[in-house]
Amino acid sequence: MKKRGISLIVLVVTIIVIIILAGAVILSLTNNNPIEEANEATFKSNIEAYNSEITLYVAKQYTSTIGTFSKVNEK
């Protein structure tokens, strides 16, 4: 006796894959996308790091010139 048709395991695996794909699509279409929020948080963190580096550079330039900024591009 040969059995034809889809086994229960294949059906369950297919449904799970469809649910995962639907979840990914829903997350990408909503406004509060966690991936976008993570990218934004990374961007803000990078900006803060750059700001700190610039502040340290300016402070170093100020202290290395004994309390005065060097006069660059003065006409």
PDB file of N, CA and C in Angstrom:
ATOM      1  N   MET A   1       0.839  -1.169   0.000  1.00  0.00           N
ATOM      2  CA  MET A   1       0.000   0.000   0.000  1.00  0.00           C
ATOM      3  C   MET A   1       0.891   1.243   0.000  1.00  0.00           C
ATOM      4  N   LYS A   2       0.777   2.047  -1.039  1.00  0.00           N
ATOM      5  CA  LYS A   2       1.551   3.270  -1.129  1.00  0.00           C
ATOM      6  C   LYS A   2       0.708   4.432  -0.637  1.00  0.00           C
ATOM      7  N   LYS A   3       1.357   5.259   0.198  1.00  0.00           N
ATOM      8  CA  LYS A   3       0.666   6.445   0.723  1.00  0.00           C
ATOM      9  C   LYS A   3       1.117   7.658  -0.071  1.00  0.00           C
ATOM     10  N   ARG A   4       0.184   8.462  -0.456  1.00  0.00           N
ATOM     11  CA  ARG A   4       0.490   9.681  -1.176  1.00  0.00           C
ATOM     12  C   ARG A   4      -0.030  10.861  -0.380  1.00  0.00           C
ATOM     13  N   GLY A   5       0.651  11.980  -0.541  1.00  0.00           N
ATOM     14  CA  GLY A   5       0.214  13.183   0.151  1.00  0.00           C
ATOM     15  C   GLY A   5       1.349  13.795   0.950  1.00  0.00           C
ATOM     16  N   ILE A   6       1.009  14.834   1.678  1.00  0.00           N
ATOM     17  CA  ILE A   6       1.986  15.578   2.459  1.00  0.00           C
ATOM     18  C   ILE A   6       1.985  15.034   3.882  1.00  0.00           C
ATOM     19  N   SER A   7       3.174  14.813   4.403  1.00  0.00           N
ATOM     20  CA  SER A   7       3.253  14.341   5.780  1.00  0.00           C
ATOM     21  C   SER A   7       2.999  15.506   6.732  1.00  0.00           C
ATOM     22  N   LEU A   8       2.643  15.185   7.933  1.00  0.00           N
ATOM     23  CA  LEU A   8       2.335  16.193   8.940  1.00  0.00           C
ATOM     24  C   LEU A   8       3.576  17.027   9.273  1.00  0.00           C
ATOM     25  N   ILE A   9       4.728  16.417   9.303  1.00  0.00           N
ATOM     26  CA  ILE A   9       5.971  17.126   9.624  1.00  0.00           C
ATOM     27  C   ILE A   9       6.278  18.181   8.559  1.00  0.00           C
ATOM     28  N   VAL A  10       6.144  17.831   7.298  1.00  0.00           N
ATOM     29  CA  VAL A  10       6.392  18.782   6.222  1.00  0.00           C
ATOM     30  C   VAL A  10       5.408  19.932   6.299  1.00  0.00           C
ATOM     31  N   LEU A  11       4.175  19.652   6.608  1.00  0.00           N
ATOM     32  CA  LEU A  11       3.162  20.691   6.732  1.00  0.00           C
ATOM     33  C   LEU A  11       3.486  21.648   7.874  1.00  0.00           C
ATOM     34  N   VAL A  12       3.887  21.137   9.020  1.00  0.00           N
ATOM     35  CA  VAL A  12       4.226  21.974  10.173  1.00  0.00           C
ATOM     36  C   VAL A  12       5.450  22.833   9.875  1.00  0.00           C
ATOM     37  N   VAL A  13       6.470  22.257   9.247  1.00  0.00           N
ATOM     38  CA  VAL A  13       7.674  23.019   8.905  1.00  0.00           C
ATOM     39  C   VAL A  13       7.329  24.132   7.927  1.00  0.00           C
ATOM     40  N   THR A  14       6.500  23.862   6.970  1.00  0.00           N
ATOM     41  CA  THR A  14       6.095  24.880   6.001  1.00  0.00           C
ATOM     42  C   THR A  14       5.345  26.018   6.676  1.00  0.00           C
ATOM     43  N   ILE A  15       4.461  25.699   7.584  1.00  0.00           N
ATOM     44  CA  ILE A  15       3.703  26.725   8.307  1.00  0.00           C
ATOM     45  C   ILE A  15       4.643  27.581   9.154  1.00  0.00           C
ATOM     46  N   ILE A  16       5.620  26.968   9.803  1.00  0.00           N
ATOM     47  CA  ILE A  16       6.582  27.717  10.624  1.00  0.00           C
ATOM     48  C   ILE A  16       7.392  28.674   9.755  1.00  0.00           C
ATOM     49  N   VAL A  17       7.834  28.220   8.589  1.00  0.00           N
ATOM     50  CA  VAL A  17       8.596  29.079   7.690  1.00  0.00           C
ATOM     51  C   VAL A  17       7.743  30.255   7.224  1.00  0.00           C
ATOM     52  N   ILE A  18       6.489  30.014   6.906  1.00  0.00           N
ATOM     53  CA  ILE A  18       5.592  31.085   6.472  1.00  0.00           C
ATOM     54  C   ILE A  18       5.382  32.095   7.601  1.00  0.00           C
ATOM     55  N   ILE A  19       5.245  31.628   8.829  1.00  0.00           N
ATOM     56  CA  ILE A  19       5.066  32.532   9.978  1.00  0.00           C
ATOM     57  C   ILE A  19       6.306  33.397  10.179  1.00  0.00           C
ATOM     58  N   ILE A  20       7.485  32.806  10.059  1.00  0.00           N
ATOM     59  CA  ILE A  20       8.727  33.571  10.219  1.00  0.00           C
ATOM     60  C   ILE A  20       8.844  34.634   9.133  1.00  0.00           C
ATOM     61  N   LEU A  21       8.551  34.268   7.900  1.00  0.00           N
ATOM     62  CA  LEU A  21       8.611  35.237   6.805  1.00  0.00           C
ATOM     63  C   LEU A  21       7.581  36.354   6.979  1.00  0.00           C
ATOM     64  N   ALA A  22       6.386  36.007   7.418  1.00  0.00           N
ATOM     65  CA  ALA A  22       5.353  37.019   7.646  1.00  0.00           C
ATOM     66  C   ALA A  22       5.776  37.970   8.760  1.00  0.00           C
ATOM     67  N   GLY A  23       6.403  37.443   9.801  1.00  0.00           N
ATOM     68  CA  GLY A  23       6.891  38.301  10.888  1.00  0.00           C
ATOM     69  C   GLY A  23       7.945  39.273  10.407  1.00  0.00           C
ATOM     70  N   ALA A  24       8.849  38.804   9.561  1.00  0.00           N
ATOM     71  CA  ALA A  24       9.895  39.681   9.028  1.00  0.00           C
ATOM     72  C   ALA A  24       9.287  40.783   8.169  1.00  0.00           C
ATOM     73  N   VAL A  25       8.301  40.446   7.368  1.00  0.00           N
ATOM     74  CA  VAL A  25       7.646  41.450   6.518  1.00  0.00           C
ATOM     75  C   VAL A  25       6.896  42.462   7.369  1.00  0.00           C
ATOM     76  N   ILE A  26       6.197  42.013   8.374  1.00  0.00           N
ATOM     77  CA  ILE A  26       5.448  42.918   9.250  1.00  0.00           C
ATOM     78  C   ILE A  26       6.397  43.867   9.970  1.00  0.00           C
ATOM     79  N   LEU A  27       7.532  43.342  10.468  1.00  0.00           N
ATOM     80  CA  LEU A  27       8.506  44.200  11.151  1.00  0.00           C
ATOM     81  C   LEU A  27       9.090  45.242  10.210  1.00  0.00           C
ATOM     82  N   SER A  28       9.309  44.877   8.977  1.00  0.00           N
ATOM     83  CA  SER A  28       9.899  45.834   8.044  1.00  0.00           C
ATOM     84  C   SER A  28       8.896  46.883   7.584  1.00  0.00           C
ATOM     85  N   LEU A  29       7.620  46.622   7.684  1.00  0.00           N
ATOM     86  CA  LEU A  29       6.604  47.565   7.227  1.00  0.00           C
ATOM     87  C   LEU A  29       6.070  48.484   8.326  1.00  0.00           C
ATOM     88  N   THR A  30       6.289  48.135   9.571  1.00  0.00           N
ATOM     89  CA  THR A  30       5.760  48.958  10.656  1.00  0.00           C
ATOM     90  C   THR A  30       6.667  50.139  10.925  1.00  0.00           C
ATOM     91  N   ASN A  31       6.127  51.147  11.616  1.00  0.00           N
ATOM     92  CA  ASN A  31       6.878  52.358  11.930  1.00  0.00           C
ATOM     93  C   ASN A  31       7.913  52.142  13.013  1.00  0.00           C
ATOM     94  N   ASN A  32       7.650  51.286  13.963  1.00  0.00           N
ATOM     95  CA  ASN A  32       8.593  51.058  15.052  1.00  0.00           C
ATOM     96  C   ASN A  32       9.439  49.813  14.762  1.00  0.00           C
ATOM     97  N   ASN A  33      10.163  49.892  13.677  1.00  0.00           N
ATOM     98  CA  ASN A  33      11.017  48.800  13.229  1.00  0.00           C
ATOM     99  C   ASN A  33      12.238  48.707  14.141  1.00  0.00           C
ATOM    100  N   PRO A  34      12.447  47.582  14.822  1.00  0.00           N
ATOM    101  CA  PRO A  34      13.595  47.479  15.729  1.00  0.00           C
ATOM    102  C   PRO A  34      14.939  47.567  15.011  1.00  0.00           C
ATOM    103  N   ILE A  35      15.000  47.148  13.771  1.00  0.00           N
ATOM    104  CA  ILE A  35      16.253  47.235  13.023  1.00  0.00           C
ATOM    105  C   ILE A  35      16.579  48.702  12.742  1.00  0.00           C
ATOM    106  N   GLU A  36      15.580  49.463  12.356  1.00  0.00           N
ATOM    107  CA  GLU A  36      15.780  50.891  12.100  1.00  0.00           C
ATOM    108  C   GLU A  36      16.152  51.624  13.386  1.00  0.00           C
ATOM    109  N   GLU A  37      15.518  51.242  14.495  1.00  0.00           N
ATOM    110  CA  GLU A  37      15.848  51.856  15.783  1.00  0.00           C
ATOM    111  C   GLU A  37      17.286  51.547  16.181  1.00  0.00           C
ATOM    112  N   ALA A  38      17.736  50.334  15.918  1.00  0.00           N
ATOM    113  CA  ALA A  38      19.118  49.963  16.219  1.00  0.00           C
ATOM    114  C   ALA A  38      20.094  50.751  15.359  1.00  0.00           C
ATOM    115  N   ASN A  39      19.768  50.923  14.089  1.00  0.00           N
ATOM    116  CA  ASN A  39      20.626  51.727  13.210  1.00  0.00           C
ATOM    117  C   ASN A  39      20.686  53.179  13.677  1.00  0.00           C
ATOM    118  N   GLU A  40      19.563  53.710  14.106  1.00  0.00           N
ATOM    119  CA  GLU A  40      19.524  55.086  14.592  1.00  0.00           C
ATOM    120  C   GLU A  40      20.342  55.232  15.880  1.00  0.00           C
ATOM    121  N   ALA A  41      20.225  54.257  16.774  1.00  0.00           N
ATOM    122  CA  ALA A  41      21.000  54.303  18.015  1.00  0.00           C
ATOM    123  C   ALA A  41      22.497  54.218  17.730  1.00  0.00           C
ATOM    124  N   THR A  42      22.885  53.403  16.758  1.00  0.00           N
ATOM    125  CA  THR A  42      24.294  53.304  16.375  1.00  0.00           C
ATOM    126  C   THR A  42      24.782  54.626  15.808  1.00  0.00           C
ATOM    127  N   PHE A  43      23.976  55.258  14.974  1.00  0.00           N
ATOM    128  CA  PHE A  43      24.337  56.546  14.394  1.00  0.00           C
ATOM    129  C   PHE A  43      24.536  57.600  15.487  1.00  0.00           C
ATOM    130  N   LYS A  44      23.605  57.662  16.441  1.00  0.00           N
ATOM    131  CA  LYS A  44      23.711  58.634  17.521  1.00  0.00           C
ATOM    132  C   LYS A  44      24.953  58.373  18.373  1.00  0.00           C
ATOM    133  N   SER A  45      25.249  57.114  18.614  1.00  0.00           N
ATOM    134  CA  SER A  45      26.440  56.757  19.381  1.00  0.00           C
ATOM    135  C   SER A  45      27.705  57.186  18.655  1.00  0.00           C
ATOM    136  N   ASN A  46      27.734  56.992  17.342  1.00  0.00           N
ATOM    137  CA  ASN A  46      28.896  57.411  16.551  1.00  0.00           C
ATOM    138  C   ASN A  46      29.060  58.928  16.580  1.00  0.00           C
ATOM    139  N   ILE A  47      27.965  59.658  16.491  1.00  0.00           N
ATOM    140  CA  ILE A  47      28.028  61.124  16.544  1.00  0.00           C
ATOM    141  C   ILE A  47      28.577  61.581  17.889  1.00  0.00           C
ATOM    142  N   GLU A  48      28.133  60.945  18.976  1.00  0.00           N
ATOM    143  CA  GLU A  48      28.632  61.307  20.297  1.00  0.00           C
ATOM    144  C   GLU A  48      30.130  61.004  20.413  1.00  0.00           C
ATOM    145  N   ALA A  49      30.573  59.901  19.839  1.00  0.00           N
ATOM    146  CA  ALA A  49      31.997  59.559  19.870  1.00  0.00           C
ATOM    147  C   ALA A  49      32.811  60.574  19.077  1.00  0.00           C
ATOM    148  N   TYR A  50      32.325  60.968  17.911  1.00  0.00           N
ATOM    149  CA  TYR A  50      33.020  61.981  17.114  1.00  0.00           C
ATOM    150  C   TYR A  50      33.077  63.315  17.859  1.00  0.00           C
ATOM    151  N   ASN A  51      31.985  63.667  18.509  1.00  0.00           N
ATOM    152  CA  ASN A  51      31.944  64.904  19.275  1.00  0.00           C
ATOM    153  C   ASN A  51      32.979  64.870  20.398  1.00  0.00           C
ATOM    154  N   SER A  52      33.105  63.749  21.077  1.00  0.00           N
ATOM    155  CA  SER A  52      34.094  63.616  22.140  1.00  0.00           C
ATOM    156  C   SER A  52      35.506  63.748  21.587  1.00  0.00           C
ATOM    157  N   GLU A  53      35.760  63.116  20.439  1.00  0.00           N
ATOM    158  CA  GLU A  53      37.085  63.195  19.830  1.00  0.00           C
ATOM    159  C   GLU A  53      37.423  64.634  19.425  1.00  0.00           C
ATOM    160  N   ILE A  54      36.463  65.333  18.874  1.00  0.00           N
ATOM    161  CA  ILE A  54      36.696  66.728  18.477  1.00  0.00           C
ATOM    162  C   ILE A  54      36.952  67.592  19.709  1.00  0.00           C
ATOM    163  N   THR A  55      36.190  67.362  20.767  1.00  0.00           N
ATOM    164  CA  THR A  55      36.383  68.124  22.003  1.00  0.00           C
ATOM    165  C   THR A  55      37.774  67.881  22.572  1.00  0.00           C
ATOM    166  N   LEU A  56      38.209  66.634  22.588  1.00  0.00           N
ATOM    167  CA  LEU A  56      39.547  66.321  23.081  1.00  0.00           C
ATOM    168  C   LEU A  56      40.624  66.956  22.203  1.00  0.00           C
ATOM    169  N   TYR A  57      40.429  66.952  20.906  1.00  0.00           N
ATOM    170  CA  TYR A  57      41.395  67.556  19.989  1.00  0.00           C
ATOM    171  C   TYR A  57      41.507  69.056  20.234  1.00  0.00           C
ATOM    172  N   VAL A  58      40.359  69.707  20.369  1.00  0.00           N
ATOM    173  CA  VAL A  58      40.366  71.155  20.599  1.00  0.00           C
ATOM    174  C   VAL A  58      41.016  71.463  21.946  1.00  0.00           C
ATOM    175  N   ALA A  59      40.718  70.673  22.967  1.00  0.00           N
ATOM    176  CA  ALA A  59      41.317  70.898  24.278  1.00  0.00           C
ATOM    177  C   ALA A  59      42.831  70.710  24.216  1.00  0.00           C
ATOM    178  N   LYS A  60      43.267  69.713  23.480  1.00  0.00           N
ATOM    179  CA  LYS A  60      44.707  69.475  23.343  1.00  0.00           C
ATOM    180  C   LYS A  60      45.373  70.638  22.615  1.00  0.00           C
ATOM    181  N   GLN A  61      44.732  71.138  21.559  1.00  0.00           N
ATOM    182  CA  GLN A  61      45.289  72.278  20.831  1.00  0.00           C
ATOM    183  C   GLN A  61      45.356  73.511  21.728  1.00  0.00           C
ATOM    184  N   TYR A  62      44.330  73.711  22.540  1.00  0.00           N
ATOM    185  CA  TYR A  62      44.277  74.868  23.429  1.00  0.00           C
ATOM    186  C   TYR A  62      45.385  74.802  24.473  1.00  0.00           C
ATOM    187  N   THR A  63      45.556  73.616  25.082  1.00  0.00           N
ATOM    188  CA  THR A  63      46.573  73.486  26.126  1.00  0.00           C
ATOM    189  C   THR A  63      47.979  73.456  25.551  1.00  0.00           C
ATOM    190  N   SER A  64      48.158  72.991  24.340  1.00  0.00           N
ATOM    191  CA  SER A  64      49.505  72.945  23.774  1.00  0.00           C
ATOM    192  C   SER A  64      49.979  74.316  23.306  1.00  0.00           C
ATOM    193  N   THR A  65      49.064  75.236  23.136  1.00  0.00           N
ATOM    194  CA  THR A  65      49.443  76.593  22.738  1.00  0.00           C
ATOM    195  C   THR A  65      49.378  77.547  23.926  1.00  0.00           C
ATOM    196  N   ILE A  66      49.470  77.017  25.124  1.00  0.00           N
ATOM    197  CA  ILE A  66      49.520  77.770  26.378  1.00  0.00           C
ATOM    198  C   ILE A  66      48.328  78.718  26.518  1.00  0.00           C
ATOM    199  N   GLY A  67      47.158  78.157  26.380  1.00  0.00           N
ATOM    200  CA  GLY A  67      45.952  78.907  26.681  1.00  0.00           C
ATOM    201  C   GLY A  67      45.422  79.781  25.584  1.00  0.00           C
ATOM    202  N   THR A  68      46.041  79.751  24.416  1.00  0.00           N
ATOM    203  CA  THR A  68      45.499  80.530  23.305  1.00  0.00           C
ATOM    204  C   THR A  68      45.421  79.651  22.083  1.00  0.00           C
ATOM    205  N   PHE A  69      44.430  79.888  21.303  1.00  0.00           N
ATOM    206  CA  PHE A  69      44.311  79.142  20.064  1.00  0.00           C
ATOM    207  C   PHE A  69      45.274  79.713  19.039  1.00  0.00           C
ATOM    208  N   SER A  70      45.814  78.836  18.207  1.00  0.00           N
ATOM    209  CA  SER A  70      46.693  79.330  17.158  1.00  0.00           C
ATOM    210  C   SER A  70      45.864  80.114  16.145  1.00  0.00           C
ATOM    211  N   LYS A  71      46.455  81.162  15.614  1.00  0.00           N
ATOM    212  CA  LYS A  71      45.734  82.019  14.678  1.00  0.00           C
ATOM    213  C   LYS A  71      45.946  81.498  13.269  1.00  0.00           C
ATOM    214  N   VAL A  72      44.987  80.695  12.828  1.00  0.00           N
ATOM    215  CA  VAL A  72      45.052  80.113  11.501  1.00  0.00           C
ATOM    216  C   VAL A  72      44.082  80.856  10.622  1.00  0.00           C
ATOM    217  N   ASN A  73      44.457  81.080   9.388  1.00  0.00           N
ATOM    218  CA  ASN A  73      43.619  81.762   8.405  1.00  0.00           C
ATOM    219  C   ASN A  73      43.285  83.189   8.813  1.00  0.00           C
ATOM    220  N   GLU A  74      44.165  83.822   9.517  1.00  0.00           N
ATOM    221  CA  GLU A  74      43.903  85.209   9.929  1.00  0.00           C
ATOM    222  C   GLU A  74      44.360  86.131   8.807  1.00  0.00           C
ATOM    223  N   LYS A  75      43.509  87.076   8.441  1.00  0.00           N
ATOM    224  CA  LYS A  75      43.821  87.993   7.351  1.00  0.00           C
ATOM    225  C   LYS A  75      44.079  89.370   7.849  1.00  0.00           C
TER     226      LYS A  75
END
